[in-house]
N, C-alpha and C. Protein backbone atom coordinates (compact mmCIF):
# COMPACT_ATOMS: atom_id res chain seq x y z
N MET A 1 -15.51 -26.08 10.29
CA MET A 1 -16.12 -27.59 10.27
C MET A 1 -16.67 -27.56 11.72
N THR A 2 -18.09 -28.26 11.33
CA THR A 2 -18.75 -28.56 12.60
C THR A 2 -18.45 -29.85 13.04
N GLY A 3 -19.00 -30.44 13.93
CA GLY A 3 -19.00 -31.83 14.34
C GLY A 3 -19.82 -32.75 14.15
N ILE A 4 -20.50 -32.36 12.82
CA ILE A 4 -21.40 -32.69 12.66
C ILE A 4 -20.90 -33.96 11.11
N GLY A 5 -20.52 -34.92 11.20
CA GLY A 5 -19.49 -36.00 9.87
C GLY A 5 -18.31 -35.75 10.97
N ILE A 6 -17.92 -35.75 12.16
CA ILE A 6 -16.41 -35.17 12.07
C ILE A 6 -16.13 -37.01 12.34
N SER A 7 -15.75 -37.45 11.61
CA SER A 7 -15.14 -39.11 12.12
C SER A 7 -13.60 -39.44 12.66
N CYS A 8 -13.97 -40.08 13.50
CA CYS A 8 -12.63 -40.49 14.50
C CYS A 8 -11.91 -42.32 14.24
N GLU A 9 -10.88 -42.67 14.01
CA GLU A 9 -10.55 -43.71 14.68
C GLU A 9 -9.79 -43.79 16.15
N ILE A 10 -9.92 -44.94 16.67
CA ILE A 10 -9.26 -44.98 18.08
C ILE A 10 -8.38 -46.25 17.91
N VAL A 11 -7.13 -45.68 18.67
CA VAL A 11 -6.32 -47.12 17.49
C VAL A 11 -5.52 -47.18 19.63
N THR A 12 -5.31 -48.19 19.93
CA THR A 12 -4.88 -48.62 21.37
C THR A 12 -3.60 -49.64 20.80
N VAL A 13 -2.27 -49.18 21.96
CA VAL A 13 -1.35 -49.99 20.84
C VAL A 13 -0.84 -51.07 22.37
N GLY A 14 -0.57 -52.09 21.93
CA GLY A 14 0.62 -53.14 23.05
C GLY A 14 -0.22 -54.21 23.09
N SER A 15 1.21 -54.92 22.96
CA SER A 15 0.55 -56.41 22.25
C SER A 15 0.19 -56.78 23.34
N GLU A 16 -0.04 -56.53 25.29
CA GLU A 16 -0.90 -57.01 26.39
C GLU A 16 -2.09 -57.56 25.34
N LEU A 17 -2.59 -56.26 25.09
CA LEU A 17 -3.77 -56.33 24.34
C LEU A 17 -4.31 -57.44 23.44
N LEU A 18 -3.06 -57.68 22.42
CA LEU A 18 -4.10 -58.46 22.09
C LEU A 18 -4.22 -59.98 22.45
N LEU A 19 -2.92 -59.87 23.02
CA LEU A 19 -2.63 -61.34 23.98
C LEU A 19 -3.49 -61.42 24.86
N GLY A 20 -4.63 -60.51 24.69
CA GLY A 20 -5.71 -60.21 26.40
C GLY A 20 -4.98 -60.64 27.62
N ALA A 21 -3.63 -60.11 27.95
CA ALA A 21 -3.72 -60.09 28.99
C ALA A 21 -3.64 -59.70 29.68
N ILE A 22 -4.56 -58.31 29.64
CA ILE A 22 -5.46 -57.26 30.24
C ILE A 22 -6.36 -56.71 29.05
N GLU A 23 -7.63 -56.09 29.56
CA GLU A 23 -8.27 -56.06 29.31
C GLU A 23 -8.21 -54.32 28.94
N ASP A 24 -9.03 -54.28 27.43
CA ASP A 24 -9.00 -52.67 27.07
C ASP A 24 -9.96 -52.09 27.01
N THR A 25 -9.52 -51.74 29.06
CA THR A 25 -10.73 -50.96 29.03
C THR A 25 -10.93 -48.95 28.16
N ASN A 26 -9.64 -48.52 27.70
CA ASN A 26 -9.26 -47.59 27.20
C ASN A 26 -10.38 -47.35 25.61
N ALA A 27 -10.67 -47.94 24.84
CA ALA A 27 -11.18 -48.07 23.70
C ALA A 27 -12.56 -48.08 24.01
N GLY A 28 -13.16 -48.33 24.86
CA GLY A 28 -14.65 -47.61 25.24
C GLY A 28 -14.57 -46.76 25.93
N TYR A 29 -14.12 -46.12 26.25
CA TYR A 29 -14.11 -45.05 27.44
C TYR A 29 -14.45 -43.80 26.12
N LEU A 30 -13.21 -44.34 26.11
CA LEU A 30 -12.34 -43.38 24.55
C LEU A 30 -13.45 -43.45 23.58
N ALA A 31 -14.39 -44.05 23.38
CA ALA A 31 -15.42 -43.84 22.24
C ALA A 31 -16.57 -43.25 23.37
N ARG A 32 -17.09 -43.61 24.12
CA ARG A 32 -18.70 -42.47 24.72
C ARG A 32 -17.72 -41.38 24.19
N LYS A 33 -16.79 -41.49 25.49
CA LYS A 33 -16.38 -39.78 25.27
C LYS A 33 -16.44 -38.43 24.36
N VAL A 34 -15.98 -39.30 22.96
CA VAL A 34 -15.78 -38.74 21.62
C VAL A 34 -17.19 -38.73 21.25
N ALA A 35 -17.98 -39.68 21.57
CA ALA A 35 -19.21 -39.81 20.62
C ALA A 35 -19.99 -38.70 21.35
N GLN A 36 -20.00 -38.61 22.31
CA GLN A 36 -20.71 -37.60 23.62
C GLN A 36 -20.17 -36.07 22.83
N ALA A 37 -19.05 -35.94 22.50
CA ALA A 37 -18.52 -34.62 22.35
C ALA A 37 -18.89 -34.16 20.34
N GLY A 38 -19.84 -35.45 19.91
CA GLY A 38 -20.10 -35.28 18.72
C GLY A 38 -19.36 -35.94 17.47
N ILE A 39 -18.00 -36.33 18.16
CA ILE A 39 -17.45 -37.26 17.22
C ILE A 39 -17.67 -38.39 16.60
N ALA A 40 -17.93 -39.21 15.52
CA ALA A 40 -18.73 -40.33 14.78
C ALA A 40 -17.04 -41.26 15.17
N VAL A 41 -17.62 -42.04 16.29
CA VAL A 41 -16.15 -42.97 15.90
C VAL A 41 -16.77 -44.13 15.01
N ARG A 42 -15.95 -43.79 14.08
CA ARG A 42 -16.14 -45.43 12.44
C ARG A 42 -14.54 -46.59 13.16
N PHE A 43 -14.22 -46.46 13.43
CA PHE A 43 -12.89 -47.38 13.24
C PHE A 43 -12.43 -47.87 15.23
N ARG A 44 -12.32 -48.86 15.68
CA ARG A 44 -11.41 -48.85 16.56
C ARG A 44 -10.47 -50.37 16.76
N THR A 45 -9.04 -49.27 16.65
CA THR A 45 -7.41 -51.06 15.79
C THR A 45 -7.16 -50.73 16.93
N SER A 46 -6.29 -52.55 17.26
CA SER A 46 -5.38 -52.47 18.37
C SER A 46 -4.05 -53.33 17.80
N VAL A 47 -3.04 -52.73 17.60
CA VAL A 47 -2.02 -53.17 17.66
C VAL A 47 -1.14 -53.39 18.48
N GLY A 48 0.12 -54.04 17.72
CA GLY A 48 0.95 -54.72 18.85
C GLY A 48 1.82 -54.04 19.07
N ASP A 49 3.06 -54.26 19.80
CA ASP A 49 4.52 -53.60 19.89
C ASP A 49 5.63 -53.51 18.47
N ARG A 50 4.57 -53.36 17.74
CA ARG A 50 5.88 -53.37 16.53
C ARG A 50 6.20 -52.00 15.60
N GLN A 51 7.34 -51.11 15.76
CA GLN A 51 6.80 -49.79 15.77
C GLN A 51 6.73 -49.86 13.92
N GLU A 52 6.49 -50.88 13.27
CA GLU A 52 6.06 -50.38 11.36
C GLU A 52 4.91 -51.13 11.09
N GLU A 53 4.65 -52.14 12.37
CA GLU A 53 2.72 -51.94 12.60
C GLU A 53 2.00 -50.71 12.31
N ILE A 54 2.71 -50.29 14.18
CA ILE A 54 1.99 -49.11 14.78
C ILE A 54 2.18 -47.74 13.61
N THR A 55 3.42 -47.93 12.39
CA THR A 55 3.20 -46.92 11.59
C THR A 55 1.76 -47.02 10.78
N ARG A 56 1.81 -48.08 10.28
CA ARG A 56 1.06 -48.40 9.45
C ARG A 56 -0.51 -47.62 9.38
N VAL A 57 -0.61 -48.85 10.48
CA VAL A 57 -1.72 -48.68 11.25
C VAL A 57 -2.57 -47.23 11.31
N ILE A 58 -1.38 -46.25 12.18
CA ILE A 58 -1.28 -44.94 12.50
C ILE A 58 -1.95 -44.23 10.62
N SER A 59 -0.67 -44.63 10.17
CA SER A 59 -1.08 -44.08 8.48
C SER A 59 -2.91 -43.92 7.93
N ALA A 60 -3.25 -45.43 8.06
CA ALA A 60 -4.58 -45.85 7.75
C ALA A 60 -5.48 -44.67 8.13
N ALA A 61 -5.32 -45.03 8.86
CA ALA A 61 -5.90 -44.64 10.24
C ALA A 61 -6.59 -42.34 9.83
N ALA A 62 -5.48 -42.12 9.51
CA ALA A 62 -4.79 -40.32 9.22
C ALA A 62 -5.85 -40.56 7.95
N ALA A 63 -5.10 -41.43 6.94
CA ALA A 63 -6.27 -41.56 5.37
C ALA A 63 -7.62 -41.67 6.03
N ARG A 64 -8.15 -42.12 6.72
CA ARG A 64 -9.54 -42.61 6.40
C ARG A 64 -10.51 -41.40 7.81
N CYS A 65 -10.21 -41.26 8.23
CA CYS A 65 -11.07 -40.22 9.33
C CYS A 65 -10.55 -38.84 9.58
N ASP A 66 -11.21 -38.37 10.53
CA ASP A 66 -10.81 -36.64 10.30
C ASP A 66 -9.80 -36.34 11.68
N VAL A 67 -9.51 -37.35 12.37
CA VAL A 67 -9.26 -37.05 13.87
C VAL A 67 -8.63 -39.17 14.06
N VAL A 68 -7.70 -39.34 14.63
CA VAL A 68 -7.20 -40.79 15.29
C VAL A 68 -6.91 -40.26 17.17
N ILE A 69 -7.31 -40.87 17.96
CA ILE A 69 -6.72 -41.17 19.13
C ILE A 69 -5.91 -42.06 18.96
N VAL A 70 -4.84 -41.69 19.66
CA VAL A 70 -3.74 -43.12 20.28
C VAL A 70 -3.52 -43.36 21.46
N THR A 71 -4.00 -44.69 22.15
CA THR A 71 -3.37 -44.82 23.41
C THR A 71 -2.37 -46.25 23.98
N GLY A 72 -1.74 -45.69 24.64
CA GLY A 72 -0.42 -46.69 24.94
C GLY A 72 0.87 -46.36 23.97
N GLY A 73 2.17 -47.23 24.80
CA GLY A 73 3.38 -46.38 23.38
C GLY A 73 4.23 -45.41 24.06
N LEU A 74 4.07 -45.03 24.88
CA LEU A 74 4.17 -43.89 25.56
C LEU A 74 5.26 -43.92 26.80
N GLY A 75 5.21 -45.54 27.23
CA GLY A 75 6.53 -45.32 28.08
C GLY A 75 7.69 -45.09 28.31
N PRO A 76 8.23 -45.62 29.06
CA PRO A 76 10.55 -45.41 28.77
C PRO A 76 10.82 -46.65 28.56
N THR A 77 10.08 -48.28 27.74
CA THR A 77 10.88 -49.20 27.74
C THR A 77 10.84 -49.14 26.27
N GLN A 78 11.67 -50.60 25.34
CA GLN A 78 11.82 -50.30 24.66
C GLN A 78 11.06 -50.72 23.86
N ASP A 79 9.75 -51.32 24.34
CA ASP A 79 8.57 -51.56 23.39
C ASP A 79 7.80 -50.85 23.21
N ASP A 80 7.71 -49.08 24.13
CA ASP A 80 6.81 -48.46 23.91
C ASP A 80 7.08 -47.43 22.58
N LEU A 81 6.83 -48.16 21.46
CA LEU A 81 7.10 -47.30 20.33
C LEU A 81 6.17 -46.51 19.68
N THR A 82 5.06 -45.99 20.19
CA THR A 82 4.51 -44.90 19.42
C THR A 82 4.72 -43.40 18.75
N ARG A 83 5.60 -42.61 20.23
CA ARG A 83 6.48 -42.01 19.45
C ARG A 83 6.61 -41.70 18.15
N GLU A 84 7.73 -43.52 18.62
CA GLU A 84 8.77 -43.36 17.00
C GLU A 84 8.22 -43.45 15.86
N ALA A 85 7.10 -44.29 15.89
CA ALA A 85 5.70 -44.98 14.71
C ALA A 85 4.91 -43.25 14.31
N VAL A 86 4.70 -42.54 14.95
CA VAL A 86 3.48 -41.21 14.74
C VAL A 86 5.02 -40.14 13.54
N ALA A 87 6.27 -39.94 14.83
CA ALA A 87 7.29 -39.55 13.22
C ALA A 87 7.46 -40.08 12.74
N SER A 88 7.53 -41.07 12.06
CA SER A 88 7.70 -41.95 10.85
C SER A 88 6.68 -41.28 10.24
N ALA A 89 5.17 -42.13 10.37
CA ALA A 89 3.96 -41.63 9.91
C ALA A 89 3.44 -40.76 9.17
N ALA A 90 4.44 -39.23 10.29
CA ALA A 90 4.23 -38.09 9.40
C ALA A 90 5.49 -37.32 9.09
N GLY A 91 6.21 -38.48 8.17
CA GLY A 91 7.61 -37.85 7.90
C GLY A 91 8.75 -36.76 8.98
N VAL A 92 8.57 -36.91 10.16
CA VAL A 92 9.60 -35.95 11.25
C VAL A 92 10.24 -36.59 11.62
N GLU A 93 10.91 -36.77 12.50
CA GLU A 93 11.95 -36.75 13.29
C GLU A 93 11.21 -36.53 14.92
N LEU A 94 11.58 -37.34 15.42
CA LEU A 94 11.52 -36.68 17.00
C LEU A 94 12.47 -35.42 17.35
N GLU A 95 12.49 -34.74 18.17
CA GLU A 95 12.82 -33.47 19.01
C GLU A 95 12.40 -33.89 20.45
N TYR A 96 13.54 -33.33 21.26
CA TYR A 96 14.02 -33.57 22.81
C TYR A 96 13.09 -32.15 22.34
N ARG A 97 12.17 -32.25 24.28
CA ARG A 97 11.33 -30.82 24.45
C ARG A 97 11.57 -30.33 25.95
N GLU A 98 12.67 -29.55 26.31
CA GLU A 98 13.22 -29.61 27.75
C GLU A 98 11.66 -29.55 29.27
N ASP A 99 10.94 -29.40 28.70
CA ASP A 99 9.76 -28.44 29.85
C ASP A 99 9.33 -29.80 29.91
N LEU A 100 8.85 -30.64 29.23
CA LEU A 100 8.43 -31.79 29.45
C LEU A 100 9.71 -33.02 30.41
N LEU A 101 10.90 -33.09 30.61
CA LEU A 101 11.61 -33.27 31.05
C LEU A 101 11.75 -32.98 32.14
N GLU A 102 11.20 -31.52 32.82
CA GLU A 102 11.46 -30.69 33.48
C GLU A 102 10.04 -31.51 33.99
N GLN A 103 9.12 -31.41 33.39
CA GLN A 103 7.84 -31.92 33.69
C GLN A 103 7.71 -33.33 34.65
N ILE A 104 8.51 -34.69 34.14
CA ILE A 104 8.22 -35.59 34.22
C ILE A 104 8.94 -36.14 35.71
N GLU A 105 10.42 -34.88 35.55
CA GLU A 105 11.43 -35.31 36.87
C GLU A 105 10.10 -34.77 37.93
N LYS A 106 9.35 -33.59 37.98
CA LYS A 106 8.76 -33.20 39.39
C LYS A 106 7.81 -34.23 39.38
N VAL A 107 6.85 -34.83 38.70
CA VAL A 107 7.00 -36.41 39.02
C VAL A 107 6.94 -37.25 39.91
N PHE A 108 8.53 -37.07 39.15
CA PHE A 108 9.32 -38.25 40.13
C PHE A 108 9.48 -37.77 41.44
N GLN A 109 9.47 -36.17 41.63
CA GLN A 109 10.50 -35.48 43.12
C GLN A 109 8.81 -35.24 44.08
N SER A 110 8.00 -35.02 43.18
CA SER A 110 6.40 -34.92 44.16
C SER A 110 6.45 -36.38 44.55
N ALA A 111 7.54 -37.39 44.23
CA ALA A 111 6.55 -39.51 44.87
C ALA A 111 7.77 -39.41 45.48
N GLY A 112 8.81 -38.47 45.61
CA GLY A 112 10.21 -38.80 46.25
C GLY A 112 11.15 -39.57 45.82
N TYR A 113 10.80 -39.74 44.14
CA TYR A 113 11.91 -40.55 44.23
C TYR A 113 12.81 -40.13 43.09
N GLU A 114 14.18 -40.75 42.24
CA GLU A 114 15.23 -39.82 40.93
C GLU A 114 14.82 -40.69 40.02
N MET A 115 14.34 -39.48 39.26
CA MET A 115 13.51 -40.21 37.40
C MET A 115 14.38 -41.31 37.43
N PRO A 116 14.93 -42.03 36.80
CA PRO A 116 15.59 -43.11 35.97
C PRO A 116 15.89 -42.49 34.83
N GLU A 117 17.14 -42.75 34.05
CA GLU A 117 17.12 -42.80 32.58
C GLU A 117 16.65 -42.64 31.94
N ASN A 118 16.15 -43.77 31.72
CA ASN A 118 15.15 -44.57 30.67
C ASN A 118 13.69 -43.82 30.61
N ASN A 119 13.83 -42.90 31.11
CA ASN A 119 12.38 -41.86 31.69
C ASN A 119 12.55 -40.59 30.67
N ARG A 120 13.81 -40.50 30.36
CA ARG A 120 14.44 -39.00 29.44
C ARG A 120 13.63 -39.52 27.87
N ILE A 121 13.66 -40.61 27.61
CA ILE A 121 12.35 -40.64 26.07
C ILE A 121 11.58 -40.03 26.33
N GLN A 122 10.83 -40.19 26.99
CA GLN A 122 9.12 -39.58 26.83
C GLN A 122 9.55 -38.03 26.80
N ALA A 123 10.16 -37.34 26.79
CA ALA A 123 10.83 -36.61 26.87
C ALA A 123 10.83 -35.73 24.94
N PHE A 124 10.96 -36.90 24.17
CA PHE A 124 10.86 -36.02 22.53
C PHE A 124 9.41 -36.59 22.54
N VAL A 125 9.04 -36.31 21.34
CA VAL A 125 7.49 -35.66 20.78
C VAL A 125 8.34 -35.45 19.27
N PRO A 126 6.86 -35.93 18.75
CA PRO A 126 7.28 -35.68 16.55
C PRO A 126 7.52 -34.43 16.93
N ARG A 127 8.75 -34.05 16.11
CA ARG A 127 8.86 -32.59 15.21
C ARG A 127 7.42 -31.67 14.55
N GLY A 128 7.32 -30.68 15.90
CA GLY A 128 6.69 -29.57 14.85
C GLY A 128 5.14 -30.17 16.51
N SER A 129 5.13 -31.23 16.56
CA SER A 129 3.73 -31.77 17.46
C SER A 129 3.73 -30.83 19.00
N LYS A 130 2.08 -30.45 19.21
CA LYS A 130 1.58 -29.51 20.67
C LYS A 130 1.93 -30.82 21.62
N SER A 131 2.62 -30.34 22.90
CA SER A 131 2.61 -31.41 23.53
C SER A 131 1.67 -31.15 24.74
N VAL A 132 1.44 -32.55 25.14
CA VAL A 132 0.23 -32.05 26.01
C VAL A 132 0.79 -32.73 27.79
N PRO A 133 1.23 -32.14 28.49
CA PRO A 133 2.18 -32.26 29.34
C PRO A 133 1.01 -33.46 30.67
N ASN A 134 1.36 -34.19 31.25
CA ASN A 134 0.82 -35.54 32.30
C ASN A 134 0.97 -34.51 33.65
N PRO A 135 0.05 -34.01 34.42
CA PRO A 135 0.82 -33.69 35.93
C PRO A 135 -0.02 -35.57 36.59
N VAL A 136 -0.75 -35.60 36.30
CA VAL A 136 -1.15 -36.83 36.96
C VAL A 136 0.00 -38.40 36.37
N GLY A 137 1.21 -38.20 35.99
CA GLY A 137 1.67 -39.33 35.45
C GLY A 137 3.43 -38.83 35.01
N THR A 138 4.55 -39.83 34.14
CA THR A 138 5.43 -39.14 33.90
C THR A 138 5.09 -39.50 32.13
N ALA A 139 4.45 -40.40 31.63
CA ALA A 139 4.41 -39.83 30.23
C ALA A 139 3.08 -39.27 29.64
N PRO A 140 4.00 -38.31 28.97
CA PRO A 140 3.11 -36.30 28.13
C PRO A 140 2.97 -37.41 27.12
N GLY A 141 1.63 -36.54 26.43
CA GLY A 141 0.71 -36.82 25.50
C GLY A 141 1.16 -36.43 24.74
N PHE A 142 0.82 -36.46 23.40
CA PHE A 142 0.80 -35.19 21.84
C PHE A 142 0.35 -35.30 21.01
N ILE A 143 -0.34 -34.22 20.46
CA ILE A 143 -1.28 -33.69 18.89
C ILE A 143 0.18 -33.38 17.68
N ALA A 144 -0.02 -35.04 16.94
CA ALA A 144 0.70 -34.22 15.70
C ALA A 144 0.03 -34.43 14.68
N GLU A 145 -0.15 -34.01 13.06
CA GLU A 145 -0.44 -34.03 11.98
C GLU A 145 0.29 -34.57 11.53
N ILE A 146 -0.84 -35.42 10.44
CA ILE A 146 -0.84 -36.24 10.01
C ILE A 146 -1.64 -35.50 8.21
N GLY A 147 -0.69 -34.70 7.52
CA GLY A 147 -1.58 -33.84 6.62
C GLY A 147 -1.98 -32.93 7.31
N THR A 148 -3.87 -32.82 7.30
CA THR A 148 -3.88 -32.05 7.99
C THR A 148 -5.22 -33.16 9.46
N THR A 149 -5.08 -34.27 9.37
CA THR A 149 -5.11 -35.13 10.58
C THR A 149 -4.59 -35.03 11.63
N PRO A 150 -5.59 -34.43 12.61
CA PRO A 150 -4.51 -34.30 13.85
C PRO A 150 -5.21 -35.85 14.30
N VAL A 151 -3.01 -36.43 15.33
CA VAL A 151 -3.17 -37.39 15.79
C VAL A 151 -3.16 -37.22 17.45
N ILE A 152 -3.71 -37.92 18.21
CA ILE A 152 -3.98 -37.40 19.91
C ILE A 152 -2.96 -38.41 20.44
N CYS A 153 -1.74 -38.34 20.58
CA CYS A 153 -1.14 -39.20 21.67
C CYS A 153 -1.52 -39.38 22.53
N LEU A 154 -2.01 -40.56 23.94
CA LEU A 154 -2.20 -40.69 25.24
C LEU A 154 -1.90 -41.19 25.59
N PRO A 155 -1.17 -41.75 27.00
CA PRO A 155 -0.80 -42.46 28.06
C PRO A 155 -2.03 -44.09 27.70
N GLY A 156 -1.40 -44.85 28.10
CA GLY A 156 -2.20 -46.20 27.67
C GLY A 156 -2.56 -46.49 29.99
N VAL A 157 -1.73 -45.87 30.70
CA VAL A 157 -2.53 -46.04 31.82
C VAL A 157 -4.47 -44.98 31.91
N PRO A 158 -5.35 -45.83 32.23
CA PRO A 158 -6.19 -45.15 32.04
C PRO A 158 -6.63 -43.99 33.10
N ARG A 159 -6.37 -43.94 34.02
CA ARG A 159 -5.96 -42.84 34.82
C ARG A 159 -5.56 -41.38 34.84
N GLU A 160 -4.65 -41.91 33.89
CA GLU A 160 -3.79 -40.23 33.35
C GLU A 160 -4.43 -40.20 32.20
N LEU A 161 -4.79 -41.39 30.75
CA LEU A 161 -5.63 -40.91 29.83
C LEU A 161 -6.87 -40.29 30.28
N GLU A 162 -7.82 -40.46 31.31
CA GLU A 162 -8.96 -40.16 30.96
C GLU A 162 -8.99 -38.62 31.68
N TYR A 163 -7.58 -38.11 32.62
CA TYR A 163 -6.84 -36.82 33.51
C TYR A 163 -7.15 -36.10 32.08
N LEU A 164 -6.12 -36.70 30.80
CA LEU A 164 -6.09 -35.69 29.51
C LEU A 164 -7.00 -35.84 28.99
N LEU A 165 -7.77 -36.69 28.45
CA LEU A 165 -9.17 -36.59 28.56
C LEU A 165 -10.16 -35.17 28.26
N GLU A 166 -9.83 -35.27 29.80
CA GLU A 166 -11.25 -34.85 30.69
C GLU A 166 -10.33 -33.15 30.34
N LYS A 167 -8.97 -32.92 30.88
CA LYS A 167 -9.13 -31.73 31.03
C LYS A 167 -8.51 -30.81 29.45
N GLU A 168 -7.65 -31.71 28.86
CA GLU A 168 -7.14 -31.06 27.26
C GLU A 168 -7.72 -31.40 26.23
N ILE A 169 -7.26 -32.62 26.00
CA ILE A 169 -7.98 -33.57 24.80
C ILE A 169 -9.73 -32.75 24.49
N LEU A 170 -10.21 -33.11 25.23
CA LEU A 170 -11.99 -32.72 24.68
C LEU A 170 -11.47 -31.43 23.89
N PRO A 171 -11.59 -30.34 25.36
CA PRO A 171 -11.34 -28.80 25.13
C PRO A 171 -10.86 -28.75 23.79
N TRP A 172 -10.38 -29.29 23.16
CA TRP A 172 -9.16 -28.90 22.05
C TRP A 172 -9.56 -29.38 21.13
N LEU A 173 -10.69 -30.81 20.80
CA LEU A 173 -11.31 -31.11 19.97
C LEU A 173 -12.50 -30.11 19.51
N LYS A 174 -13.12 -29.69 20.74
CA LYS A 174 -14.28 -28.52 20.84
C LYS A 174 -13.98 -28.03 20.38
N GLU A 175 -13.11 -27.19 20.42
CA GLU A 175 -12.32 -26.13 19.54
C GLU A 175 -11.77 -26.43 18.52
N ARG A 176 -11.26 -27.07 17.97
CA ARG A 176 -10.34 -27.88 16.74
C ARG A 176 -11.58 -28.03 15.74
N PHE A 177 -12.09 -28.54 15.58
CA PHE A 177 -13.63 -28.55 15.09
C PHE A 177 -14.84 -27.97 15.18
N SER A 178 -14.92 -27.13 16.78
CA SER A 178 -16.05 -26.18 16.04
C SER A 178 -17.13 -27.29 17.03
N LEU A 179 -17.52 -28.02 18.07
CA LEU A 179 -17.38 -28.62 18.50
C LEU A 179 -18.72 -27.39 19.70
N GLY A 180 -20.17 -27.51 19.89
CA GLY A 180 -20.51 -27.12 20.69
C GLY A 180 -20.66 -28.28 22.12
């Protein structure tokens, strides 16, 4: 499959985006970068921090586009529900990845802190997904499949998202979709 005609939906997760508490700069950044790579952005959707709504949005996006990029909801707090929503949409359970926990612990250690217990949740990803370690933050990304549609999940912190997109995701997209 070549880049011609490949469609993408960008999903931003976070009630703070819907309420206008913070400006959504991630969607615009992602749209520009994905378009430059030769993928047509067809939809941009924002959804609040409710698991069932995130699941519905991601399921709909995967049904209508060739690739879905999700940003936000990968942190260690109770309202960070993207992992669970993607697993639900894909019909799989979350699985623990020791390598991700080690990477998260290293981030804390390099900053001179002990990792809080609640950050352990960030080492869980949907079963069968490809993990995307995050050397510049504590929220690893992952790529899950819903049917044949890749769902790429990235942290909402702009610096982390930009790093992972440039270093990991754009090369992966270019390979997956045979983009020049």
